[in-house]
Amino acid sequence: MRALRVLVILAVILGGLFVIADRVAVGFAEDEAANRLRTSEGLDSTPDVSINGFPFLTQLTSGEFDDVEIGIKDFEASTGSGGNGGDSGADSIRIAELNARLRGVVFSGDYSSATADSASGTALISYDELLKAAQVEPVQVIPGLTAKVTGLSDGGNGKIKVGIELTGSLLGNDVSERLSVLSSVKVDGDTVSVDADVLPDLPFSVAEESVRQIADFTQTIDGLPAGIKLDKVQAAEGGVEISVTGSDVKLAG
């Protein structure tokens, strides 16, 4: 009986040591992956990487990880110079928070690249950042009168509130009017579009098409890993929240 008790105690000790070794190894791997990701993507800060599942060492030996989570702040995403507003020539847009969950991640033999069976995540773009895609420079809507977008904010119920300013001179009178337009936001392929639902009654005889050219705008977001696509988008208090999904996602090392 004493020998059996010794074996049980030894098994518990070895099991505990294995768990400790496993957790130490996964911590090292997470730090290494985070540092490599920061270097390869040119990030300003080190991202958060969590390798889920137990035991880690078994997953490492097989070269496949069940569940990996990544969190990045202030991520610069490519736009392909896609936008129709005042800063449409910008080739990137800053994503305030990018969180992704990868499942079934299989690495190449030299661990220089990987493929995930599936991926899902969210990205938050602040209203100030999205404003760069809007028409922030004054544009003439009728002779003597210009309009521009002055700000974006949460309009409630998934809508964006677009602030528009009309300024100029008509019939010898100075004009300065501020309007608010509730707009819907949607995803079409790799493009996020903001379109006014209904324009308010305008104080002047201005063609609706002219004002819509100011109020409506788009922002392209591309350069994502192969297999990742924009899924849906909604306005929130802190900015625009975008959901992404993908399958057979290619990840460069």
Protein backbone atom coordinates (compact mmCIF):
# COMPACT_ATOMS: atom_id res chain seq x y z
CA MET A 1 0.00 0.00 0.00
CA ARG A 2 2.83 2.35 0.84
CA ALA A 3 4.44 1.69 -2.55
CA LEU A 4 1.13 2.42 -4.27
CA ARG A 5 0.79 5.65 -2.31
CA VAL A 6 4.30 6.66 -3.35
CA LEU A 7 3.46 6.00 -7.00
CA VAL A 8 0.30 8.09 -6.74
CA ILE A 9 2.21 10.97 -5.13
CA LEU A 10 4.92 10.69 -7.80
CA ALA A 11 2.30 10.73 -10.55
CA VAL A 12 0.70 13.84 -9.07
CA ILE A 13 4.09 15.57 -8.83
CA LEU A 14 5.04 14.65 -12.40
CA GLY A 15 1.63 15.73 -13.62
CA GLY A 16 2.05 19.06 -11.87
CA LEU A 17 5.50 19.53 -13.35
CA PHE A 18 4.12 18.73 -16.80
CA VAL A 19 1.40 21.34 -16.37
CA ILE A 20 3.98 23.90 -15.21
CA ALA A 21 6.26 23.07 -18.13
CA ASP A 22 3.31 23.25 -20.51
CA ARG A 23 2.23 26.68 -19.21
CA VAL A 24 5.82 27.99 -19.31
CA ALA A 25 6.16 26.76 -22.89
CA VAL A 26 2.88 28.31 -24.03
CA GLY A 27 3.81 31.60 -22.38
CA PHE A 28 7.12 31.64 -24.22
CA ALA A 29 5.41 30.76 -27.52
CA GLU A 30 2.81 33.51 -27.07
CA ASP A 31 5.50 36.10 -26.40
CA GLU A 32 7.55 34.94 -29.39
CA ALA A 33 4.50 34.98 -31.68
CA ALA A 34 3.53 38.46 -30.46
CA ASN A 35 7.04 39.82 -31.10
CA ARG A 36 7.19 38.27 -34.58
CA LEU A 37 3.76 39.68 -35.40
CA ARG A 38 4.83 43.13 -34.25
CA THR A 39 7.94 42.98 -36.44
CA SER A 40 6.27 41.55 -39.56
CA GLU A 41 3.35 44.01 -39.44
CA GLY A 42 5.42 47.01 -38.30
CA LEU A 43 3.19 47.57 -35.27
CA ASP A 44 3.81 50.39 -32.81
CA SER A 45 3.08 48.15 -29.83
CA THR A 46 3.24 44.44 -29.07
CA PRO A 47 -0.08 42.67 -29.72
CA ASP A 48 -1.79 40.22 -27.38
CA VAL A 49 -1.55 36.57 -28.44
CA SER A 50 -3.30 33.75 -26.59
CA ILE A 51 -2.85 30.10 -27.56
CA ASN A 52 -5.79 28.22 -26.08
CA GLY A 53 -6.21 24.51 -25.52
CA PHE A 54 -4.35 22.01 -23.36
CA PRO A 55 -1.84 20.53 -23.54
CA PHE A 56 0.13 23.06 -25.58
CA LEU A 57 3.17 20.81 -26.06
CA THR A 58 1.06 18.19 -27.82
CA GLN A 59 -0.28 20.84 -30.20
CA LEU A 60 3.24 22.13 -30.81
CA THR A 61 4.48 18.65 -31.68
CA SER A 62 1.66 18.13 -34.17
CA GLY A 63 2.17 21.57 -35.73
CA GLU A 64 -1.53 22.41 -35.35
CA PHE A 65 -3.18 24.70 -32.81
CA ASP A 66 -6.88 24.44 -32.03
CA ASP A 67 -7.63 28.01 -31.00
CA VAL A 68 -5.50 31.18 -31.22
CA GLU A 69 -6.66 34.67 -30.25
CA ILE A 70 -4.96 37.89 -31.36
CA GLY A 71 -5.58 41.44 -30.16
CA ILE A 72 -3.98 44.46 -31.84
CA LYS A 73 -4.39 48.14 -31.04
CA ASP A 74 -3.88 50.96 -33.57
CA PHE A 75 -3.52 48.66 -36.58
CA GLU A 76 -2.84 50.28 -39.96
CA ALA A 77 -4.99 48.56 -42.61
CA SER A 78 -4.53 49.09 -46.33
CA THR A 79 -7.24 50.98 -48.20
CA GLY A 80 -5.88 50.65 -51.71
CA SER A 81 -6.41 54.44 -51.82
CA GLY A 82 -10.11 53.62 -51.81
CA GLY A 83 -12.36 56.42 -50.58
CA ASN A 84 -14.38 59.24 -52.07
CA GLY A 85 -13.80 62.01 -49.56
CA GLY A 86 -11.27 64.62 -48.54
CA ASP A 87 -8.47 62.15 -47.79
CA SER A 88 -9.32 59.57 -50.44
CA GLY A 89 -5.67 59.39 -51.47
CA ALA A 90 -4.63 57.89 -48.12
CA ASP A 91 -3.38 54.33 -48.54
CA SER A 92 -4.20 53.18 -44.99
CA ILE A 93 -6.74 53.59 -42.23
CA ARG A 94 -6.05 53.19 -38.52
CA ILE A 95 -8.12 50.51 -36.77
CA ALA A 96 -8.34 51.37 -33.08
CA GLU A 97 -8.88 47.76 -31.98
CA LEU A 98 -8.55 44.56 -34.00
CA ASN A 99 -9.45 41.24 -32.38
CA ALA A 100 -9.30 37.94 -34.25
CA ARG A 101 -9.90 34.31 -33.34
CA LEU A 102 -8.27 31.62 -35.48
CA ARG A 103 -9.24 27.95 -35.32
CA GLY A 104 -7.38 24.96 -36.69
CA VAL A 105 -4.09 26.79 -37.28
CA VAL A 106 -1.60 24.59 -39.16
CA PHE A 107 2.00 25.76 -39.56
CA SER A 108 4.40 25.00 -42.38
CA GLY A 109 7.41 22.79 -41.69
CA ASP A 110 9.70 25.72 -40.90
CA TYR A 111 6.96 27.70 -39.10
CA SER A 112 7.35 30.57 -41.58
CA SER A 113 3.66 30.57 -42.53
CA ALA A 114 0.36 29.12 -41.39
CA THR A 115 -3.18 28.40 -42.54
CA ALA A 116 -6.28 28.65 -40.35
CA ASP A 117 -9.36 26.55 -41.05
CA SER A 118 -11.57 29.45 -40.00
CA ALA A 119 -11.30 32.93 -38.59
CA SER A 120 -13.64 35.49 -37.08
CA GLY A 121 -13.05 38.86 -35.53
CA THR A 122 -14.01 42.46 -35.01
CA ALA A 123 -12.44 45.78 -35.89
CA LEU A 124 -13.27 49.18 -34.40
CA ILE A 125 -12.67 52.32 -36.47
CA SER A 126 -13.12 55.63 -34.67
CA TYR A 127 -15.39 58.28 -36.15
CA ASP A 128 -12.47 60.70 -36.41
CA GLU A 129 -10.57 58.17 -38.51
CA LEU A 130 -13.56 57.37 -40.72
CA LEU A 131 -14.11 61.09 -41.21
CA LYS A 132 -10.97 61.14 -43.38
CA ALA A 133 -12.94 59.28 -46.07
CA ALA A 134 -15.73 61.88 -46.05
CA GLN A 135 -15.88 65.17 -47.95
CA VAL A 136 -14.32 67.48 -45.36
CA GLU A 137 -13.28 70.14 -47.87
CA PRO A 138 -15.96 72.64 -49.01
CA VAL A 139 -17.66 71.76 -52.30
CA GLN A 140 -19.96 74.07 -54.24
CA VAL A 141 -23.54 72.78 -54.31
CA ILE A 142 -25.05 75.85 -55.98
CA PRO A 143 -23.38 79.10 -57.08
CA GLY A 144 -22.31 80.97 -53.95
CA LEU A 145 -22.99 78.08 -51.54
CA THR A 146 -20.62 75.33 -50.41
CA ALA A 147 -21.10 72.28 -48.18
CA LYS A 148 -18.80 69.96 -46.27
CA VAL A 149 -18.95 67.19 -43.66
CA THR A 150 -17.92 68.50 -40.24
CA GLY A 151 -18.20 65.38 -38.08
CA LEU A 152 -19.45 61.84 -37.55
CA SER A 153 -21.01 60.39 -34.41
CA ASP A 154 -23.29 57.65 -33.12
CA GLY A 155 -26.85 58.30 -34.24
CA GLY A 156 -28.39 55.41 -32.28
CA ASN A 157 -30.05 52.24 -33.58
CA GLY A 158 -26.98 51.37 -35.64
CA LYS A 159 -27.03 54.67 -37.54
CA ILE A 160 -24.29 57.24 -38.08
CA LYS A 161 -25.04 60.92 -37.57
CA VAL A 162 -23.34 62.98 -40.27
CA GLY A 163 -22.87 66.67 -39.55
CA ILE A 164 -22.96 68.94 -42.62
CA GLU A 165 -22.19 72.65 -42.81
CA LEU A 166 -23.54 74.96 -45.54
CA THR A 167 -21.75 78.29 -45.93
CA GLY A 168 -21.54 81.05 -48.50
CA SER A 169 -23.43 84.06 -49.73
CA LEU A 170 -26.81 84.17 -51.49
CA LEU A 171 -28.47 87.31 -52.79
CA GLY A 172 -26.02 89.40 -50.81
CA ASN A 173 -26.76 87.60 -47.53
CA ASP A 174 -24.21 85.53 -45.62
CA VAL A 175 -25.25 81.92 -45.13
CA SER A 176 -24.17 79.56 -42.34
CA GLU A 177 -26.33 76.50 -41.67
CA ARG A 178 -25.58 73.24 -39.86
CA LEU A 179 -27.51 70.08 -40.66
CA SER A 180 -27.56 66.57 -39.18
CA VAL A 181 -28.26 63.54 -41.34
CA LEU A 182 -28.90 59.99 -40.11
CA SER A 183 -27.12 57.50 -42.35
CA SER A 184 -27.03 53.74 -42.73
CA VAL A 185 -23.70 51.94 -42.86
CA LYS A 186 -23.20 48.68 -44.74
CA VAL A 187 -20.57 46.40 -46.23
CA ASP A 188 -20.29 45.59 -49.93
CA GLY A 189 -17.30 43.38 -50.66
CA ASP A 190 -14.23 45.13 -49.25
CA THR A 191 -15.96 48.51 -49.02
CA VAL A 192 -17.79 50.18 -46.14
CA SER A 193 -20.41 52.65 -47.37
CA VAL A 194 -22.29 55.38 -45.50
CA ASP A 195 -25.53 56.52 -47.16
CA ALA A 196 -28.02 59.11 -45.90
CA ASP A 197 -31.45 57.65 -45.18
CA VAL A 198 -33.48 60.82 -45.69
CA LEU A 199 -32.13 64.31 -46.20
CA PRO A 200 -33.68 67.03 -44.03
CA ASP A 201 -35.65 69.89 -45.55
CA LEU A 202 -33.02 72.24 -46.87
CA PRO A 203 -33.33 75.97 -46.19
CA PHE A 204 -32.37 76.77 -49.77
CA SER A 205 -33.18 75.45 -53.21
CA VAL A 206 -30.39 72.89 -53.36
CA ALA A 207 -30.60 69.75 -55.48
CA GLU A 208 -30.71 66.62 -53.31
CA GLU A 209 -28.11 64.95 -55.53
CA SER A 210 -25.64 67.73 -54.76
CA VAL A 211 -26.02 67.27 -51.00
CA ARG A 212 -25.85 63.48 -51.27
CA GLN A 213 -22.49 63.82 -52.97
CA ILE A 214 -21.34 65.36 -49.69
CA ALA A 215 -23.24 63.21 -47.18
CA ASP A 216 -22.63 59.80 -48.80
CA PHE A 217 -19.14 58.30 -48.88
CA THR A 218 -17.26 55.01 -48.95
CA GLN A 219 -14.09 53.55 -47.45
CA THR A 220 -12.27 50.54 -48.89
CA ILE A 221 -10.45 48.18 -46.52
CA ASP A 222 -8.28 45.58 -48.24
CA GLY A 223 -4.90 43.97 -47.74
CA LEU A 224 -6.43 41.45 -45.31
CA PRO A 225 -5.04 37.88 -45.23
CA ALA A 226 -6.27 35.72 -48.11
CA GLY A 227 -9.57 34.14 -47.11
CA ILE A 228 -10.66 36.99 -44.81
CA LYS A 229 -13.62 39.15 -45.82
CA LEU A 230 -15.69 41.93 -44.30
CA ASP A 231 -18.96 40.48 -43.02
CA LYS A 232 -21.13 43.17 -41.44
CA VAL A 233 -20.85 46.60 -39.88
CA GLN A 234 -22.76 48.75 -37.44
CA ALA A 235 -22.38 52.13 -35.81
CA ALA A 236 -21.56 52.13 -32.10
CA GLU A 237 -20.77 54.69 -29.43
CA GLY A 238 -17.00 54.60 -29.94
CA GLY A 239 -16.98 54.25 -33.72
CA VAL A 240 -17.86 51.79 -36.46
CA GLU A 241 -17.67 48.10 -35.51
CA ILE A 242 -16.85 45.74 -38.38
CA SER A 243 -17.15 41.96 -38.22
CA VAL A 244 -14.85 39.82 -40.37
CA THR A 245 -14.99 36.12 -41.18
CA GLY A 246 -12.97 33.73 -43.28
CA SER A 247 -12.03 30.16 -44.10
CA ASP A 248 -8.78 28.60 -45.28
CA VAL A 249 -7.04 31.80 -44.18
CA LYS A 250 -3.44 32.20 -45.31
CA LEU A 251 -1.13 33.76 -42.75
CA ALA A 252 2.33 34.93 -43.74
CA GLY A 253 5.12 34.47 -41.25
